[in-house]
C-alpha atoms as a PDB file:
ATOM      1  CA  UNK A   1      35.966 -37.128  76.970  1.00  0.00           C
ATOM      2  CA  UNK A   2      35.665 -37.468  80.719  1.00  0.00           C
ATOM      3  CA  UNK A   3      32.688 -35.069  80.713  1.00  0.00           C
ATOM      4  CA  UNK A   4      30.511 -37.875  79.315  1.00  0.00           C
ATOM      5  CA  UNK A   5      30.283 -39.212  82.858  1.00  0.00           C
ATOM      6  CA  UNK A   6      28.319 -36.088  83.784  1.00  0.00           C
ATOM      7  CA  UNK A   7      25.764 -36.875  81.067  1.00  0.00           C
ATOM      8  CA  UNK A   8      25.305 -40.618  81.567  1.00  0.00           C
ATOM      9  CA  UNK A   9      22.781 -41.489  84.251  1.00  0.00           C
ATOM     10  CA  UNK A  10      21.857 -37.848  84.817  1.00  0.00           C
ATOM     11  CA  UNK A  11      18.385 -37.340  86.357  1.00  0.00           C
ATOM     12  CA  UNK A  12      17.992 -33.837  84.893  1.00  0.00           C
ATOM     13  CA  UNK A  13      15.387 -32.991  82.285  1.00  0.00           C
ATOM     14  CA  UNK A  14      16.315 -34.146  78.779  1.00  0.00           C
ATOM     15  CA  UNK A  15      16.556 -30.554  77.528  1.00  0.00           C
ATOM     16  CA  UNK A  16      18.995 -29.715  80.338  1.00  0.00           C
ATOM     17  CA  UNK A  17      21.117 -32.772  79.564  1.00  0.00           C
ATOM     18  CA  UNK A  18      21.128 -31.890  75.866  1.00  0.00           C
ATOM     19  CA  UNK A  19      22.151 -28.287  76.594  1.00  0.00           C
ATOM     20  CA  UNK A  20      24.957 -29.552  78.818  1.00  0.00           C
ATOM     21  CA  UNK A  21      26.029 -31.937  76.059  1.00  0.00           C
ATOM     22  CA  UNK A  22      26.114 -29.044  73.568  1.00  0.00           C
ATOM     23  CA  UNK A  23      28.144 -26.923  75.993  1.00  0.00           C
ATOM     24  CA  UNK A  24      30.640 -29.735  76.612  1.00  0.00           C
ATOM     25  CA  UNK A  25      31.030 -30.186  72.857  1.00  0.00           C
ATOM     26  CA  UNK A  26      31.406 -26.404  72.403  1.00  0.00           C
ATOM     27  CA  UNK A  27      28.377 -26.353  70.112  1.00  0.00           C
ATOM     28  CA  UNK A  28      26.204 -23.756  71.837  1.00  0.00           C
ATOM     29  CA  UNK A  29      25.754 -20.715  69.645  1.00  0.00           C
ATOM     30  CA  UNK A  30      27.424 -18.236  71.961  1.00  0.00           C
ATOM     31  CA  UNK A  31      28.133 -14.755  70.676  1.00  0.00           C
ATOM     32  CA  UNK A  32      31.808 -15.637  70.273  1.00  0.00           C
ATOM     33  CA  UNK A  33      30.819 -18.550  68.033  1.00  0.00           C
ATOM     34  CA  UNK A  34      28.362 -16.341  66.133  1.00  0.00           C
ATOM     35  CA  UNK A  35      31.174 -13.896  65.358  1.00  0.00           C
ATOM     36  CA  UNK A  36      33.400 -16.755  64.136  1.00  0.00           C
ATOM     37  CA  UNK A  37      30.573 -17.904  61.861  1.00  0.00           C
ATOM     38  CA  UNK A  38      30.162 -14.363  60.470  1.00  0.00           C
ATOM     39  CA  UNK A  39      26.791 -13.704  62.089  1.00  0.00           C
ATOM     40  CA  UNK A  40      25.930 -10.189  63.264  1.00  0.00           C
ATOM     41  CA  UNK A  41      26.080  -9.734  67.040  1.00  0.00           C
ATOM     42  CA  UNK A  42      27.458  -7.307  69.583  1.00  0.00           C
ATOM     43  CA  UNK A  43      29.524 -10.120  71.137  1.00  0.00           C
ATOM     44  CA  UNK A  44      28.674  -9.022  74.677  1.00  0.00           C
ATOM     45  CA  UNK A  45      27.345 -11.033  77.610  1.00  0.00           C
ATOM     46  CA  UNK A  46      23.740 -10.045  78.352  1.00  0.00           C
ATOM     47  CA  UNK A  47      24.410 -10.289  82.085  1.00  0.00           C
ATOM     48  CA  UNK A  48      27.577  -8.188  82.503  1.00  0.00           C
ATOM     49  CA  UNK A  49      28.523  -6.773  79.048  1.00  0.00           C
ATOM     50  CA  UNK A  50      31.903  -8.568  78.860  1.00  0.00           C
ATOM     51  CA  UNK A  51      32.796 -10.686  75.798  1.00  0.00           C
ATOM     52  CA  UNK A  52      30.476 -13.699  75.722  1.00  0.00           C
ATOM     53  CA  UNK A  53      32.256 -17.012  75.391  1.00  0.00           C
ATOM     54  CA  UNK A  54      31.109 -20.377  76.697  1.00  0.00           C
ATOM     55  CA  UNK A  55      33.803 -20.076  79.380  1.00  0.00           C
ATOM     56  CA  UNK A  56      32.630 -16.639  80.403  1.00  0.00           C
ATOM     57  CA  UNK A  57      28.900 -17.291  80.262  1.00  0.00           C
ATOM     58  CA  UNK A  58      28.849 -20.377  82.438  1.00  0.00           C
ATOM     59  CA  UNK A  59      31.654 -19.888  84.941  1.00  0.00           C
ATOM     60  CA  UNK A  60      33.389 -16.490  84.773  1.00  0.00           C
ATOM     61  CA  UNK A  61      30.511 -14.020  84.563  1.00  0.00           C
ATOM     62  CA  UNK A  62      30.195 -12.009  87.774  1.00  0.00           C
ATOM     63  CA  UNK A  63      26.393 -12.376  87.573  1.00  0.00           C
ATOM     64  CA  UNK A  64      26.493 -16.175  87.120  1.00  0.00           C
ATOM     65  CA  UNK A  65      29.237 -17.110  89.586  1.00  0.00           C
ATOM     66  CA  UNK A  66      27.082 -16.378  92.686  1.00  0.00           C
ATOM     67  CA  UNK A  67      24.319 -18.606  91.269  1.00  0.00           C
ATOM     68  CA  UNK A  68      26.790 -21.496  90.965  1.00  0.00           C
ATOM     69  CA  UNK A  69      28.145 -20.864  94.445  1.00  0.00           C
ATOM     70  CA  UNK A  70      24.654 -20.941  95.990  1.00  0.00           C
ATOM     71  CA  UNK A  71      23.608 -24.089  94.128  1.00  0.00           C
ATOM     72  CA  UNK A  72      26.844 -25.859  95.011  1.00  0.00           C
ATOM     73  CA  UNK A  73      26.639 -24.783  98.656  1.00  0.00           C
ATOM     74  CA  UNK A  74      23.027 -25.983  98.804  1.00  0.00           C
ATOM     75  CA  UNK A  75      24.050 -29.469  97.644  1.00  0.00           C
ATOM     76  CA  UNK A  76      27.016 -29.580 100.005  1.00  0.00           C
ATOM     77  CA  UNK A  77      30.032 -28.225  98.099  1.00  0.00           C
ATOM     78  CA  UNK A  78      32.001 -25.102  98.931  1.00  0.00           C
ATOM     79  CA  UNK A  79      33.530 -24.129  95.610  1.00  0.00           C
ATOM     80  CA  UNK A  80      34.047 -21.014  93.507  1.00  0.00           C
ATOM     81  CA  UNK A  81      33.880 -21.638  89.744  1.00  0.00           C
ATOM     82  CA  UNK A  82      36.937 -20.785  87.644  1.00  0.00           C
ATOM     83  CA  UNK A  83      37.743 -21.722  84.020  1.00  0.00           C
ATOM     84  CA  UNK A  84      35.590 -23.977  81.794  1.00  0.00           C
ATOM     85  CA  UNK A  85      38.082 -26.850  81.428  1.00  0.00           C
ATOM     86  CA  UNK A  86      39.029 -26.666  85.106  1.00  0.00           C
ATOM     87  CA  UNK A  87      35.367 -26.715  86.105  1.00  0.00           C
ATOM     88  CA  UNK A  88      34.573 -29.685  83.886  1.00  0.00           C
ATOM     89  CA  UNK A  89      37.493 -31.523  85.474  1.00  0.00           C
ATOM     90  CA  UNK A  90      36.321 -30.590  88.965  1.00  0.00           C
ATOM     91  CA  UNK A  91      32.746 -31.649  88.178  1.00  0.00           C
ATOM     92  CA  UNK A  92      33.882 -34.964  86.672  1.00  0.00           C
ATOM     93  CA  UNK A  93      36.064 -35.622  89.724  1.00  0.00           C
ATOM     94  CA  UNK A  94      33.172 -34.888  92.090  1.00  0.00           C
ATOM     95  CA  UNK A  95      30.673 -37.026  90.180  1.00  0.00           C
ATOM     96  CA  UNK A  96      32.820 -40.140  89.775  1.00  0.00           C
ATOM     97  CA  UNK A  97      31.266 -43.345  90.968  1.00  0.00           C
ATOM     98  CA  UNK A  98      27.835 -43.916  92.380  1.00  0.00           C
ATOM     99  CA  UNK A  99      26.041 -42.282  95.225  1.00  0.00           C
ATOM    100  CA  UNK A 100      23.260 -39.821  95.789  1.00  0.00           C
ATOM    101  CA  UNK A 101      25.508 -36.801  96.317  1.00  0.00           C
ATOM    102  CA  UNK A 102      27.217 -37.488  92.989  1.00  0.00           C
ATOM    103  CA  UNK A 103      23.869 -37.954  91.231  1.00  0.00           C
ATOM    104  CA  UNK A 104      22.658 -34.718  92.765  1.00  0.00           C
ATOM    105  CA  UNK A 105      25.768 -32.917  91.496  1.00  0.00           C
ATOM    106  CA  UNK A 106      25.228 -34.184  87.922  1.00  0.00           C
ATOM    107  CA  UNK A 107      21.597 -33.084  88.093  1.00  0.00           C
ATOM    108  CA  UNK A 108      22.496 -29.654  89.510  1.00  0.00           C
ATOM    109  CA  UNK A 109      25.174 -29.003  86.883  1.00  0.00           C
ATOM    110  CA  UNK A 110      22.858 -29.852  83.989  1.00  0.00           C
ATOM    111  CA  UNK A 111      19.955 -27.795  85.340  1.00  0.00           C
ATOM    112  CA  UNK A 112      22.173 -24.796  86.147  1.00  0.00           C
ATOM    113  CA  UNK A 113      23.778 -24.772  82.691  1.00  0.00           C
ATOM    114  CA  UNK A 114      20.318 -25.080  81.152  1.00  0.00           C
ATOM    115  CA  UNK A 115      18.844 -22.233  83.245  1.00  0.00           C
ATOM    116  CA  UNK A 116      21.723 -19.880  82.408  1.00  0.00           C
ATOM    117  CA  UNK A 117      21.309 -20.667  78.696  1.00  0.00           C
ATOM    118  CA  UNK A 118      17.501 -20.353  78.903  1.00  0.00           C
ATOM    119  CA  UNK A 119      17.578 -16.944  80.622  1.00  0.00           C
ATOM    120  CA  UNK A 120      20.325 -15.709  78.290  1.00  0.00           C
ATOM    121  CA  UNK A 121      18.157 -16.622  75.280  1.00  0.00           C
ATOM    122  CA  UNK A 122      15.025 -15.066  76.814  1.00  0.00           C
ATOM    123  CA  UNK A 123      16.935 -11.810  77.266  1.00  0.00           C
ATOM    124  CA  UNK A 124      18.226 -11.826  73.686  1.00  0.00           C
ATOM    125  CA  UNK A 125      15.124 -13.045  71.842  1.00  0.00           C
ATOM    126  CA  UNK A 126      12.127 -12.265  74.047  1.00  0.00           C
ATOM    127  CA  UNK A 127      13.037  -9.190  76.036  1.00  0.00           C
ATOM    128  CA  UNK A 128      13.566 -11.068  79.291  1.00  0.00           C
ATOM    129  CA  UNK A 129      15.495  -9.638  82.231  1.00  0.00           C
ATOM    130  CA  UNK A 130      18.638 -10.905  83.933  1.00  0.00           C
ATOM    131  CA  UNK A 131      16.707 -10.914  87.204  1.00  0.00           C
ATOM    132  CA  UNK A 132      15.010 -14.089  85.932  1.00  0.00           C
ATOM    133  CA  UNK A 133      18.180 -15.991  86.820  1.00  0.00           C
ATOM    134  CA  UNK A 134      17.514 -17.005  90.433  1.00  0.00           C
ATOM    135  CA  UNK A 135      19.246 -19.888  92.132  1.00  0.00           C
ATOM    136  CA  UNK A 136      15.921 -20.705  93.838  1.00  0.00           C
ATOM    137  CA  UNK A 137      14.361 -21.418  90.428  1.00  0.00           C
ATOM    138  CA  UNK A 138      17.104 -23.955  89.708  1.00  0.00           C
ATOM    139  CA  UNK A 139      16.716 -25.400  93.211  1.00  0.00           C
ATOM    140  CA  UNK A 140      12.967 -25.873  92.668  1.00  0.00           C
ATOM    141  CA  UNK A 141      13.518 -27.680  89.361  1.00  0.00           C
ATOM    142  CA  UNK A 142      16.073 -29.943  91.045  1.00  0.00           C
ATOM    143  CA  UNK A 143      13.651 -30.689  93.894  1.00  0.00           C
ATOM    144  CA  UNK A 144      10.900 -31.595  91.404  1.00  0.00           C
ATOM    145  CA  UNK A 145      13.307 -33.956  89.607  1.00  0.00           C
ATOM    146  CA  UNK A 146      14.320 -35.531  92.919  1.00  0.00           C
ATOM    147  CA  UNK A 147      10.689 -36.312  93.769  1.00  0.00           C
ATOM    148  CA  UNK A 148      10.767 -38.977  91.041  1.00  0.00           C
ATOM    149  CA  UNK A 149      13.816 -40.732  92.505  1.00  0.00           C
ATOM    150  CA  UNK A 150      13.349 -42.423  95.888  1.00  0.00           C
ATOM    151  CA  UNK A 151      17.065 -42.717  96.724  1.00  0.00           C
ATOM    152  CA  UNK A 152      17.774 -39.087  95.873  1.00  0.00           C
ATOM    153  CA  UNK A 153      14.698 -38.042  97.845  1.00  0.00           C
ATOM    154  CA  UNK A 154      15.903 -39.892 100.937  1.00  0.00           C
ATOM    155  CA  UNK A 155      19.400 -38.388 100.592  1.00  0.00           C
ATOM    156  CA  UNK A 156      18.029 -34.889 100.192  1.00  0.00           C
ATOM    157  CA  UNK A 157      15.647 -35.213 103.126  1.00  0.00           C
ATOM    158  CA  UNK A 158      18.650 -36.086 105.321  1.00  0.00           C
ATOM    159  CA  UNK A 159      21.162 -33.608 103.902  1.00  0.00           C
ATOM    160  CA  UNK A 160      19.502 -30.572 102.324  1.00  0.00           C
END
Protein backbone atom coordinates (compact mmCIF):
# COMPACT_ATOMS: atom_id res chain seq x y z
CA UNK A 1 0.00 0.00 0.00
CA UNK A 2 2.67 2.46 -1.05
CA UNK A 3 -0.03 4.93 -2.17
CA UNK A 4 -0.70 5.75 1.50
CA UNK A 5 2.35 7.99 1.37
CA UNK A 6 0.46 10.23 -1.06
CA UNK A 7 -2.35 10.64 1.49
CA UNK A 8 -0.35 11.18 4.68
CA UNK A 9 0.71 14.77 5.21
CA UNK A 10 -1.17 15.97 2.14
CA UNK A 11 -2.08 19.70 2.23
CA UNK A 12 -5.06 19.26 -0.11
CA UNK A 13 -8.63 19.83 1.00
CA UNK A 14 -10.06 16.96 3.05
CA UNK A 15 -12.62 16.15 0.34
CA UNK A 16 -9.84 15.89 -2.25
CA UNK A 17 -7.79 13.62 0.01
CA UNK A 18 -10.84 11.44 0.67
CA UNK A 19 -11.61 11.18 -3.06
CA UNK A 20 -8.00 10.20 -3.72
CA UNK A 21 -8.22 7.62 -0.94
CA UNK A 22 -11.38 6.17 -2.51
CA UNK A 23 -9.72 6.05 -5.94
CA UNK A 24 -6.62 4.32 -4.54
CA UNK A 25 -8.85 1.76 -2.83
CA UNK A 26 -10.88 1.32 -6.05
CA UNK A 27 -14.04 2.39 -4.24
CA UNK A 28 -15.21 5.25 -6.45
CA UNK A 29 -18.50 4.41 -8.09
CA UNK A 30 -17.27 4.53 -11.67
CA UNK A 31 -19.57 3.32 -14.41
CA UNK A 32 -17.57 0.10 -14.68
CA UNK A 33 -18.19 -0.54 -10.98
CA UNK A 34 -21.86 0.38 -11.37
CA UNK A 35 -22.23 -2.26 -14.09
CA UNK A 36 -20.54 -4.87 -11.86
CA UNK A 37 -22.99 -3.99 -9.08
CA UNK A 38 -25.95 -4.37 -11.48
CA UNK A 39 -26.83 -0.67 -11.58
CA UNK A 40 -28.19 0.84 -14.80
CA UNK A 41 -25.67 2.98 -16.70
CA UNK A 42 -24.40 3.47 -20.22
CA UNK A 43 -20.86 2.63 -19.05
CA UNK A 44 -19.34 5.46 -21.08
CA UNK A 45 -16.93 8.20 -20.05
CA UNK A 46 -18.71 11.57 -20.03
CA UNK A 47 -15.61 13.25 -21.47
CA UNK A 48 -14.78 11.02 -24.47
CA UNK A 49 -17.45 8.26 -24.66
CA UNK A 50 -14.99 5.37 -24.13
CA UNK A 51 -15.65 2.76 -21.40
CA UNK A 52 -15.36 4.47 -18.02
CA UNK A 53 -13.04 2.73 -15.60
CA UNK A 54 -11.01 4.31 -12.82
CA UNK A 55 -7.92 3.76 -14.98
CA UNK A 56 -9.50 5.42 -17.97
CA UNK A 57 -11.14 8.31 -16.15
CA UNK A 58 -8.09 9.54 -14.30
CA UNK A 59 -5.16 8.79 -16.59
CA UNK A 60 -6.11 7.42 -20.03
CA UNK A 61 -8.94 9.69 -21.16
CA UNK A 62 -7.84 11.92 -24.03
CA UNK A 63 -9.70 14.84 -22.41
CA UNK A 64 -8.07 14.36 -18.98
CA UNK A 65 -4.48 13.59 -20.01
CA UNK A 66 -3.74 17.19 -21.14
CA UNK A 67 -5.01 18.49 -17.78
CA UNK A 68 -2.54 16.23 -15.96
CA UNK A 69 0.28 17.23 -18.28
CA UNK A 70 -0.34 20.95 -17.68
CA UNK A 71 -0.61 20.58 -13.91
CA UNK A 72 2.53 18.44 -13.76
CA UNK A 73 4.46 20.81 -16.02
CA UNK A 74 3.35 23.76 -13.88
CA UNK A 75 4.79 22.13 -10.75
CA UNK A 76 8.00 21.14 -12.51
CA UNK A 77 7.49 17.64 -13.92
CA UNK A 78 7.50 16.66 -17.58
CA UNK A 79 5.43 13.49 -17.63
CA UNK A 80 2.65 11.93 -19.69
CA UNK A 81 0.22 9.80 -17.64
CA UNK A 82 -0.16 6.13 -18.56
CA UNK A 83 -1.84 3.29 -16.61
CA UNK A 84 -3.36 3.62 -13.11
CA UNK A 85 -0.94 1.30 -11.29
CA UNK A 86 2.04 2.74 -13.17
CA UNK A 87 0.94 6.27 -12.33
CA UNK A 88 0.46 5.49 -8.65
CA UNK A 89 3.96 4.02 -8.61
CA UNK A 90 5.37 7.07 -10.39
CA UNK A 91 3.56 9.44 -8.02
CA UNK A 92 4.72 7.52 -4.93
CA UNK A 93 8.30 7.56 -6.24
CA UNK A 94 8.15 11.31 -6.86
CA UNK A 95 6.62 12.11 -3.47
CA UNK A 96 8.97 10.04 -1.31
CA UNK A 97 10.64 11.89 1.50
CA UNK A 98 10.20 15.46 2.56
CA UNK A 99 10.49 18.65 0.63
CA UNK A 100 8.27 21.30 -0.82
CA UNK A 101 8.25 19.91 -4.36
CA UNK A 102 7.10 16.54 -3.04
CA UNK A 103 4.42 18.17 -0.88
CA UNK A 104 3.28 20.16 -3.88
CA UNK A 105 3.04 16.97 -5.95
CA UNK A 106 0.88 15.24 -3.31
CA UNK A 107 -1.37 18.29 -3.15
CA UNK A 108 -1.64 18.53 -6.96
CA UNK A 109 -2.48 14.84 -7.37
CA UNK A 110 -5.26 14.95 -4.78
CA UNK A 111 -6.79 18.16 -6.14
CA UNK A 112 -6.61 16.96 -9.76
CA UNK A 113 -8.25 13.62 -8.97
CA UNK A 114 -10.92 15.47 -7.00
CA UNK A 115 -11.61 18.00 -9.79
CA UNK A 116 -11.93 15.27 -12.43
CA UNK A 117 -14.37 13.37 -10.19
CA UNK A 118 -16.28 16.56 -9.31
CA UNK A 119 -16.74 17.64 -12.95
CA UNK A 120 -17.63 14.09 -14.00
CA UNK A 121 -20.38 14.01 -11.36
CA UNK A 122 -21.65 17.49 -12.29
CA UNK A 123 -22.00 16.33 -15.89
CA UNK A 124 -23.87 13.17 -14.92
CA UNK A 125 -26.12 14.52 -12.15
CA UNK A 126 -26.45 18.27 -12.71
CA UNK A 127 -26.13 18.82 -16.43
CA UNK A 128 -22.63 20.27 -16.23
CA UNK A 129 -20.30 20.52 -19.22
CA UNK A 130 -16.89 18.96 -19.79
CA UNK A 131 -15.55 22.46 -20.42
CA UNK A 132 -15.71 22.95 -16.64
CA UNK A 133 -12.54 20.87 -16.35
CA UNK A 134 -9.81 23.52 -16.65
CA UNK A 135 -6.30 23.04 -15.37
CA UNK A 136 -6.36 26.70 -14.25
CA UNK A 137 -9.19 25.90 -11.82
CA UNK A 138 -7.05 23.18 -10.23
CA UNK A 139 -4.05 25.52 -10.20
CA UNK A 140 -6.08 28.19 -8.38
CA UNK A 141 -7.23 25.72 -5.72
CA UNK A 142 -3.63 24.60 -5.23
CA UNK A 143 -2.46 28.21 -4.90
CA UNK A 144 -5.14 28.91 -2.28
CA UNK A 145 -4.02 25.83 -0.32
CA UNK A 146 -0.39 26.93 -0.55
CA UNK A 147 -1.22 30.32 0.96
CA UNK A 148 -1.77 28.55 4.29
CA UNK A 149 1.67 26.91 4.27
CA UNK A 150 4.67 29.23 4.58
CA UNK A 151 7.27 26.74 3.32
CA UNK A 152 5.21 25.79 0.27
CA UNK A 153 4.54 29.46 -0.40
CA UNK A 154 8.25 30.27 -0.38
CA UNK A 155 9.01 27.31 -2.67
CA UNK A 156 6.28 28.29 -5.10
CA UNK A 157 7.32 31.94 -5.18
CA UNK A 158 10.82 30.80 -6.24
CA UNK A 159 9.83 28.03 -8.64
CA UNK A 160 6.37 28.53 -10.13
